[in-house]
Structure formats: C-alpha cells, structure tokens
Amino acid sequence: KSAISSTLTPSMARIADRDRVVELRGLSTQAAFEVGGRYGNIVTSSRAATVHKGWRAVAVDGRALQPSEVPAALAAAQQRSKYTVTFRMGEQAAQDEDPVPPPPSPPASAAVAEAELLRRREAEEAEEEDRRRKQQREAEAAAAAASAAAASTAAAAAAAAAAAEEEEARRRKREAEEAERAKLAAQRASAKAAEEERKRRQREEDE
C-alpha cells in the first residue's frame, strides 16, 4: 500500500485501498463530476470539492456497479435531489487512470439536463403562447363589447333625433293650421264688416 500511495496524488492517497462514500446534490444543469477513462468509471473532471479527479466510482446509492454501468447509474441518480457515490483507489484504479484523459464526450447527465432544459423552455413558450392568446381573446371581447355599446348609443341617439324631428314637424303643422284658421277668421270678420257697412249705407240712401 505504501508503494502504491507514494505514486498517487494526495487526493488519491486519502482513499487508497478503501472506499469513500460521498453524498452529492442532484437536479442540476451540470453534473457534479464526469467520468471516463479506459473503463469509464474514473473521475476525469469534478465541480465538487468532495470529489477529486482520478478517483474510481464503484457504487451509486450503495449499489455496486461494473465500470461500464457507472455512467448510466450516475445519470439516473443525478435526477434525484440527493444521491451517494462510493469511490475506491488502489492498484487497479492507478492502472486504469489515463495520464492524459481524452476530452470526455458529453455525459449522459448533461444530455438529460439539456433535454429537461429544452422541455422546460418549450413548456414556458407554450405557456407564454397561451397567455398571449388569452390576452388577445380578452382584447377582442372588450373591443366587441365597446363596439356594441357604441352602436347601442348611436341607435339611441338616432331614435332620439328622429323623435325630436317628428315632434318638430307636428309643432309646425299645428302652427300652420292655427295660422290658417286665424286667416279664415280674419277674412270672415272682414267680409262681415264689409257687409254691415254696405247695409248701413243702403239704409242711409233709402232714408
């Protein structure tokens, strides 16, 4: 063990030949760490202070895994709020670690997170579209109500104007009829006065 530990980094030496269980938080757009290497279970990069590059993941949530099973198990565990990963470092891990690991392919967790982000974005866009359509329907309904109210007001004004015009026509007719009656009465009075004057003169001539 001492010979192996002397060839390892301090972070690897801390768990040399023994297991180390680390609790991590999931539900993040970025995985806490990424795995790769020759067997697919070596930590190639880490964003968590409790996990170090070079450690070998051997179990997730207490379930022992084959190296090839680690990436998928991590991707599933990272969808939960909390999960644990068991790391181990020994001769096999020291041999497995690539001195310069190749650029890792996007881990399954990143693909899942990207799909979830896309789903949420589509849901938000659909919600925004529904909200916009609702606002448009409400605006159209308000415009229709305002138009109906305006039409009703215009109809009432037109009816009032027609009624006023009809009343004015009746008033003028009454005035014309009264003027005609007054004219006829004046003509009759004038004719009567003329007839009386004629009769008076006739009497005077007869006398």
C-alpha atoms as a PDB file:
ATOM      1  CA  LYS A   1       0.000   0.000   0.000  1.00  0.00           C
ATOM      2  CA  SER A   2       2.815   2.429   0.870  1.00  0.00           C
ATOM      3  CA  ALA A   3       4.459   1.845  -2.503  1.00  0.00           C
ATOM      4  CA  ILE A   4       1.202   2.487  -4.292  1.00  0.00           C
ATOM      5  CA  SER A   5       0.409   5.537  -2.159  1.00  0.00           C
ATOM      6  CA  SER A   6       3.757   7.109  -2.960  1.00  0.00           C
ATOM      7  CA  THR A   7       2.806   7.147  -6.668  1.00  0.00           C
ATOM      8  CA  LEU A   8      -0.636   8.675  -6.110  1.00  0.00           C
ATOM      9  CA  THR A   9      -1.737  12.264  -5.716  1.00  0.00           C
ATOM     10  CA  PRO A  10      -2.730  13.345  -2.184  1.00  0.00           C
ATOM     11  CA  SER A  11      -6.432  13.141  -3.071  1.00  0.00           C
ATOM     12  CA  MET A  12      -5.994   9.586  -4.382  1.00  0.00           C
ATOM     13  CA  ALA A  13      -3.865   8.531  -1.387  1.00  0.00           C
ATOM     14  CA  ARG A  14      -6.670   9.544   1.001  1.00  0.00           C
ATOM     15  CA  ILE A  15      -8.854   6.689  -0.225  1.00  0.00           C
ATOM     16  CA  ALA A  16      -6.146   4.245  -1.342  1.00  0.00           C
ATOM     17  CA  ASP A  17      -7.305   0.647  -0.913  1.00  0.00           C
ATOM     18  CA  ARG A  18     -10.520   1.667   0.827  1.00  0.00           C
ATOM     19  CA  ASP A  19     -13.941   3.019  -0.036  1.00  0.00           C
ATOM     20  CA  ARG A  20     -15.045   6.598   0.380  1.00  0.00           C
ATOM     21  CA  VAL A  21     -18.767   7.459   0.258  1.00  0.00           C
ATOM     22  CA  VAL A  22     -19.652  10.998  -0.836  1.00  0.00           C
ATOM     23  CA  GLU A  23     -23.152  12.495  -0.726  1.00  0.00           C
ATOM     24  CA  LEU A  24     -23.955  14.839  -3.609  1.00  0.00           C
ATOM     25  CA  ARG A  25     -26.877  17.009  -4.684  1.00  0.00           C
ATOM     26  CA  GLY A  26     -28.652  16.338  -7.958  1.00  0.00           C
ATOM     27  CA  LEU A  27     -31.228  18.194 -10.069  1.00  0.00           C
ATOM     28  CA  SER A  28     -28.573  20.492 -11.514  1.00  0.00           C
ATOM     29  CA  THR A  29     -27.985  21.544 -15.091  1.00  0.00           C
ATOM     30  CA  GLN A  30     -24.368  20.422 -14.683  1.00  0.00           C
ATOM     31  CA  ALA A  31     -23.190  17.142 -13.211  1.00  0.00           C
ATOM     32  CA  ALA A  32     -21.102  17.322 -10.041  1.00  0.00           C
ATOM     33  CA  PHE A  33     -18.380  15.372 -11.820  1.00  0.00           C
ATOM     34  CA  GLU A  34     -17.735  13.490 -15.032  1.00  0.00           C
ATOM     35  CA  VAL A  35     -16.336  10.011 -15.524  1.00  0.00           C
ATOM     36  CA  GLY A  36     -14.337   8.450 -18.315  1.00  0.00           C
ATOM     37  CA  GLY A  37     -11.005   6.726 -18.623  1.00  0.00           C
ATOM     38  CA  ARG A  38     -10.258   3.285 -20.016  1.00  0.00           C
ATOM     39  CA  TYR A  39     -13.057   1.573 -18.081  1.00  0.00           C
ATOM     40  CA  GLY A  40     -15.466   4.509 -17.961  1.00  0.00           C
ATOM     41  CA  ASN A  41     -15.628   4.949 -14.192  1.00  0.00           C
ATOM     42  CA  ILE A  42     -12.642   7.242 -13.493  1.00  0.00           C
ATOM     43  CA  VAL A  43     -13.367  10.835 -12.435  1.00  0.00           C
ATOM     44  CA  THR A  44     -11.964  12.941 -15.300  1.00  0.00           C
ATOM     45  CA  SER A  45     -13.198  16.315 -14.027  1.00  0.00           C
ATOM     46  CA  SER A  46     -15.034  17.489 -10.930  1.00  0.00           C
ATOM     47  CA  ARG A  47     -17.012  20.537  -9.867  1.00  0.00           C
ATOM     48  CA  ALA A  48     -17.497  19.192  -6.339  1.00  0.00           C
ATOM     49  CA  ALA A  49     -14.905  19.900  -3.668  1.00  0.00           C
ATOM     50  CA  THR A  50     -15.507  16.468  -2.133  1.00  0.00           C
ATOM     51  CA  VAL A  51     -14.747  14.564  -5.356  1.00  0.00           C
ATOM     52  CA  HIS A  52     -11.306  14.550  -6.955  1.00  0.00           C
ATOM     53  CA  LYS A  53     -10.017  13.753 -10.381  1.00  0.00           C
ATOM     54  CA  GLY A  54      -8.622  10.238 -10.589  1.00  0.00           C
ATOM     55  CA  TRP A  55     -10.994   8.647  -8.090  1.00  0.00           C
ATOM     56  CA  ARG A  56     -12.775   5.488  -9.290  1.00  0.00           C
ATOM     57  CA  ALA A  57     -16.572   5.231  -8.846  1.00  0.00           C
ATOM     58  CA  VAL A  58     -17.573   1.721  -7.828  1.00  0.00           C
ATOM     59  CA  ALA A  59     -21.117   2.140  -6.470  1.00  0.00           C
ATOM     60  CA  VAL A  60     -24.071   4.542  -6.647  1.00  0.00           C
ATOM     61  CA  ASP A  61     -26.517   4.808  -3.745  1.00  0.00           C
ATOM     62  CA  GLY A  62     -24.852   1.762  -2.175  1.00  0.00           C
ATOM     63  CA  ARG A  63     -25.291  -0.493  -5.235  1.00  0.00           C
ATOM     64  CA  ALA A  64     -22.036  -1.974  -6.527  1.00  0.00           C
ATOM     65  CA  LEU A  65     -21.569  -1.465 -10.251  1.00  0.00           C
ATOM     66  CA  GLN A  66     -19.437  -2.689 -13.093  1.00  0.00           C
ATOM     67  CA  PRO A  67     -17.303   0.142 -14.554  1.00  0.00           C
ATOM     68  CA  SER A  68     -19.421   0.222 -17.730  1.00  0.00           C
ATOM     69  CA  GLU A  69     -22.589   0.629 -15.635  1.00  0.00           C
ATOM     70  CA  VAL A  70     -21.362   3.725 -13.777  1.00  0.00           C
ATOM     71  CA  PRO A  71     -22.203   6.465 -16.349  1.00  0.00           C
ATOM     72  CA  ALA A  72     -25.841   5.393 -16.733  1.00  0.00           C
ATOM     73  CA  ALA A  73     -26.290   4.928 -12.980  1.00  0.00           C
ATOM     74  CA  LEU A  74     -24.854   8.396 -12.330  1.00  0.00           C
ATOM     75  CA  ALA A  75     -27.122   9.948 -14.964  1.00  0.00           C
ATOM     76  CA  ALA A  76     -30.176   8.417 -13.259  1.00  0.00           C
ATOM     77  CA  ALA A  77     -29.012   9.350  -9.745  1.00  0.00           C
ATOM     78  CA  GLN A  78     -28.370  12.973 -10.736  1.00  0.00           C
ATOM     79  CA  GLN A  79     -32.092  13.361 -11.443  1.00  0.00           C
ATOM     80  CA  ARG A  80     -32.765  12.969  -7.709  1.00  0.00           C
ATOM     81  CA  SER A  81     -32.285  15.690  -5.112  1.00  0.00           C
ATOM     82  CA  LYS A  82     -29.564  13.711  -3.280  1.00  0.00           C
ATOM     83  CA  TYR A  83     -27.514  10.626  -4.013  1.00  0.00           C
ATOM     84  CA  THR A  84     -24.318   8.919  -2.818  1.00  0.00           C
ATOM     85  CA  VAL A  85     -21.332   7.660  -4.789  1.00  0.00           C
ATOM     86  CA  THR A  86     -18.729   5.243  -3.454  1.00  0.00           C
ATOM     87  CA  PHE A  87     -15.165   5.823  -4.671  1.00  0.00           C
ATOM     88  CA  ARG A  88     -12.175   3.470  -4.385  1.00  0.00           C
ATOM     89  CA  MET A  89      -8.474   3.880  -5.172  1.00  0.00           C
ATOM     90  CA  GLY A  90      -5.994   1.001  -5.432  1.00  0.00           C
ATOM     91  CA  GLU A  91      -3.677  -0.798  -7.853  1.00  0.00           C
ATOM     92  CA  GLN A  92      -6.423  -1.391 -10.379  1.00  0.00           C
ATOM     93  CA  ALA A  93      -7.515   2.268 -10.227  1.00  0.00           C
ATOM     94  CA  ALA A  94      -3.925   3.500 -10.580  1.00  0.00           C
ATOM     95  CA  GLN A  95      -3.529   1.339 -13.680  1.00  0.00           C
ATOM     96  CA  ASP A  96      -6.913   2.359 -15.068  1.00  0.00           C
ATOM     97  CA  GLU A  97      -6.340   6.091 -14.909  1.00  0.00           C
ATOM     98  CA  ASP A  98      -5.142   7.545 -18.196  1.00  0.00           C
ATOM     99  CA  PRO A  99      -2.240  10.000 -17.670  1.00  0.00           C
ATOM    100  CA  VAL A 100      -3.884  12.452 -20.051  1.00  0.00           C
ATOM    101  CA  PRO A 101      -7.522  11.503 -20.430  1.00  0.00           C
ATOM    102  CA  PRO A 102      -9.045  12.303 -23.811  1.00  0.00           C
ATOM    103  CA  PRO A 103     -11.682  15.019 -23.951  1.00  0.00           C
ATOM    104  CA  PRO A 104     -14.757  13.364 -22.443  1.00  0.00           C
ATOM    105  CA  SER A 105     -17.841  13.012 -24.524  1.00  0.00           C
ATOM    106  CA  PRO A 106     -20.906  14.736 -23.141  1.00  0.00           C
ATOM    107  CA  PRO A 107     -22.057  12.597 -20.203  1.00  0.00           C
ATOM    108  CA  ALA A 108     -25.499  11.149 -20.090  1.00  0.00           C
ATOM    109  CA  SER A 109     -26.375  13.517 -17.250  1.00  0.00           C
ATOM    110  CA  ALA A 110     -25.608  16.521 -19.453  1.00  0.00           C
ATOM    111  CA  ALA A 111     -27.822  15.122 -22.211  1.00  0.00           C
ATOM    112  CA  VAL A 112     -30.631  14.515 -19.733  1.00  0.00           C
ATOM    113  CA  ALA A 113     -30.195  18.005 -18.296  1.00  0.00           C
ATOM    114  CA  GLU A 114     -30.215  19.517 -21.773  1.00  0.00           C
ATOM    115  CA  ALA A 115     -33.379  17.585 -22.647  1.00  0.00           C
ATOM    116  CA  GLU A 116     -35.004  18.756 -19.420  1.00  0.00           C
ATOM    117  CA  LEU A 117     -33.966  22.343 -20.128  1.00  0.00           C
ATOM    118  CA  LEU A 118     -35.414  22.080 -23.630  1.00  0.00           C
ATOM    119  CA  ARG A 119     -38.638  20.614 -22.238  1.00  0.00           C
ATOM    120  CA  ARG A 120     -38.960  23.425 -19.706  1.00  0.00           C
ATOM    121  CA  ARG A 121     -38.246  26.009 -22.381  1.00  0.00           C
ATOM    122  CA  GLU A 122     -40.909  24.526 -24.652  1.00  0.00           C
ATOM    123  CA  ALA A 123     -43.367  24.457 -21.733  1.00  0.00           C
ATOM    124  CA  GLU A 124     -42.616  28.111 -20.953  1.00  0.00           C
ATOM    125  CA  GLU A 125     -43.045  29.041 -24.609  1.00  0.00           C
ATOM    126  CA  ALA A 126     -46.349  27.152 -24.760  1.00  0.00           C
ATOM    127  CA  GLU A 127     -47.500  28.884 -21.570  1.00  0.00           C
ATOM    128  CA  GLU A 128     -46.482  32.265 -22.977  1.00  0.00           C
ATOM    129  CA  GLU A 129     -48.355  31.498 -26.218  1.00  0.00           C
ATOM    130  CA  ASP A 130     -51.479  30.521 -24.237  1.00  0.00           C
ATOM    131  CA  ARG A 131     -51.211  33.720 -22.204  1.00  0.00           C
ATOM    132  CA  ARG A 132     -50.828  35.804 -25.365  1.00  0.00           C
ATOM    133  CA  ARG A 133     -53.829  34.142 -26.986  1.00  0.00           C
ATOM    134  CA  LYS A 134     -55.902  34.659 -23.830  1.00  0.00           C
ATOM    135  CA  GLN A 135     -54.978  38.340 -23.769  1.00  0.00           C
ATOM    136  CA  GLN A 136     -55.859  38.609 -27.468  1.00  0.00           C
ATOM    137  CA  ARG A 137     -59.250  36.957 -26.880  1.00  0.00           C
ATOM    138  CA  GLU A 138     -59.941  39.274 -23.939  1.00  0.00           C
ATOM    139  CA  ALA A 139     -58.939  42.309 -26.014  1.00  0.00           C
ATOM    140  CA  GLU A 140     -61.191  41.190 -28.889  1.00  0.00           C
ATOM    141  CA  ALA A 141     -64.088  40.607 -26.476  1.00  0.00           C
ATOM    142  CA  ALA A 142     -63.573  44.040 -24.929  1.00  0.00           C
ATOM    143  CA  ALA A 143     -63.446  45.635 -28.378  1.00  0.00           C
ATOM    144  CA  ALA A 144     -66.636  43.828 -29.404  1.00  0.00           C
ATOM    145  CA  ALA A 145     -68.376  44.960 -26.219  1.00  0.00           C
ATOM    146  CA  ALA A 146     -67.239  48.542 -26.781  1.00  0.00           C
ATOM    147  CA  SER A 147     -68.422  48.391 -30.391  1.00  0.00           C
ATOM    148  CA  ALA A 148     -71.810  47.034 -29.307  1.00  0.00           C
ATOM    149  CA  ALA A 149     -72.109  49.746 -26.661  1.00  0.00           C
ATOM    150  CA  ALA A 150     -71.206  52.409 -29.217  1.00  0.00           C
ATOM    151  CA  ALA A 151     -73.741  51.000 -31.670  1.00  0.00           C
ATOM    152  CA  SER A 152     -76.408  50.984 -28.964  1.00  0.00           C
ATOM    153  CA  THR A 153     -75.586  54.578 -28.046  1.00  0.00           C
ATOM    154  CA  ALA A 154     -75.696  55.613 -31.701  1.00  0.00           C
ATOM    155  CA  ALA A 155     -79.055  53.869 -32.167  1.00  0.00           C
ATOM    156  CA  ALA A 156     -80.460  55.602 -29.081  1.00  0.00           C
ATOM    157  CA  ALA A 157     -79.188  58.969 -30.336  1.00  0.00           C
ATOM    158  CA  ALA A 158     -80.706  58.351 -33.775  1.00  0.00           C
ATOM    159  CA  ALA A 159     -84.047  57.380 -32.208  1.00  0.00           C
ATOM    160  CA  ALA A 160     -83.983  60.489 -30.038  1.00  0.00           C
ATOM    161  CA  ALA A 161     -83.172  62.648 -33.070  1.00  0.00           C
ATOM    162  CA  ALA A 162     -85.993  61.055 -35.060  1.00  0.00           C
ATOM    163  CA  ALA A 163     -88.424  61.613 -32.202  1.00  0.00           C
ATOM    164  CA  ALA A 164     -87.343  65.259 -31.896  1.00  0.00           C
ATOM    165  CA  GLU A 165     -87.713  65.759 -35.639  1.00  0.00           C
ATOM    166  CA  GLU A 166     -91.191  64.206 -35.590  1.00  0.00           C
ATOM    167  CA  GLU A 167     -92.228  66.422 -32.680  1.00  0.00           C
ATOM    168  CA  GLU A 168     -90.911  69.485 -34.526  1.00  0.00           C
ATOM    169  CA  ALA A 169     -92.920  68.506 -37.626  1.00  0.00           C
ATOM    170  CA  ARG A 170     -96.102  68.179 -35.533  1.00  0.00           C
ATOM    171  CA  ARG A 171     -95.441  71.558 -33.922  1.00  0.00           C
ATOM    172  CA  ARG A 172     -95.019  73.238 -37.318  1.00  0.00           C
ATOM    173  CA  LYS A 173     -98.186  71.579 -38.606  1.00  0.00           C
ATOM    174  CA  ARG A 174    -100.150  72.847 -35.604  1.00  0.00           C
ATOM    175  CA  GLU A 175     -98.783  76.353 -36.101  1.00  0.00           C
ATOM    176  CA  ALA A 176     -99.669  76.228 -39.811  1.00  0.00           C
ATOM    177  CA  GLU A 177    -103.190  75.035 -39.047  1.00  0.00           C
ATOM    178  CA  GLU A 178    -103.653  77.716 -36.384  1.00  0.00           C
ATOM    179  CA  ALA A 179    -102.361  80.367 -38.806  1.00  0.00           C
ATOM    180  CA  GLU A 180    -104.792  79.139 -41.487  1.00  0.00           C
ATOM    181  CA  ARG A 181    -107.721  79.223 -39.057  1.00  0.00           C
ATOM    182  CA  ALA A 182    -106.734  82.708 -37.957  1.00  0.00           C
ATOM    183  CA  LYS A 183    -106.551  83.827 -41.579  1.00  0.00           C
ATOM    184  CA  LEU A 184    -110.009  82.404 -42.371  1.00  0.00           C
ATOM    185  CA  ALA A 185    -111.449  84.027 -39.249  1.00  0.00           C
ATOM    186  CA  ALA A 186    -109.960  87.383 -40.260  1.00  0.00           C
ATOM    187  CA  GLN A 187    -111.371  87.004 -43.769  1.00  0.00           C
ATOM    188  CA  ARG A 188    -114.841  86.176 -42.391  1.00  0.00           C
ATOM    189  CA  ALA A 189    -114.675  89.094 -39.982  1.00  0.00           C
ATOM    190  CA  SER A 190    -113.619  91.423 -42.758  1.00  0.00           C
ATOM    191  CA  ALA A 191    -116.373  90.177 -45.049  1.00  0.00           C
ATOM    192  CA  LYS A 192    -118.965  90.579 -42.279  1.00  0.00           C
ATOM    193  CA  ALA A 193    -117.767  94.080 -41.524  1.00  0.00           C
ATOM    194  CA  ALA A 194    -117.936  94.991 -45.213  1.00  0.00           C
ATOM    195  CA  GLU A 195    -121.458  93.585 -45.465  1.00  0.00           C
ATOM    196  CA  GLU A 196    -122.616  95.531 -42.452  1.00  0.00           C
ATOM    197  CA  GLU A 197    -121.077  98.704 -43.879  1.00  0.00           C
ATOM    198  CA  ARG A 198    -122.884  98.113 -47.177  1.00  0.00           C
ATOM    199  CA  LYS A 199    -126.201  97.615 -45.412  1.00  0.00           C
ATOM    200  CA  ARG A 200    -125.699 100.782 -43.361  1.00  0.00           C
ATOM    201  CA  ARG A 201    -125.048 102.859 -46.448  1.00  0.00           C
ATOM    202  CA  GLN A 202    -128.052 101.306 -48.142  1.00  0.00           C
ATOM    203  CA  ARG A 203    -130.268 102.343 -45.235  1.00  0.00           C
ATOM    204  CA  GLU A 204    -128.903 105.831 -45.317  1.00  0.00           C
ATOM    205  CA  GLU A 205    -129.671 106.117 -49.030  1.00  0.00           C
ATOM    206  CA  ASP A 206    -133.161 104.795 -48.521  1.00  0.00           C
ATOM    207  CA  GLU A 207    -133.890 107.405 -45.872  1.00  0.00           C
END
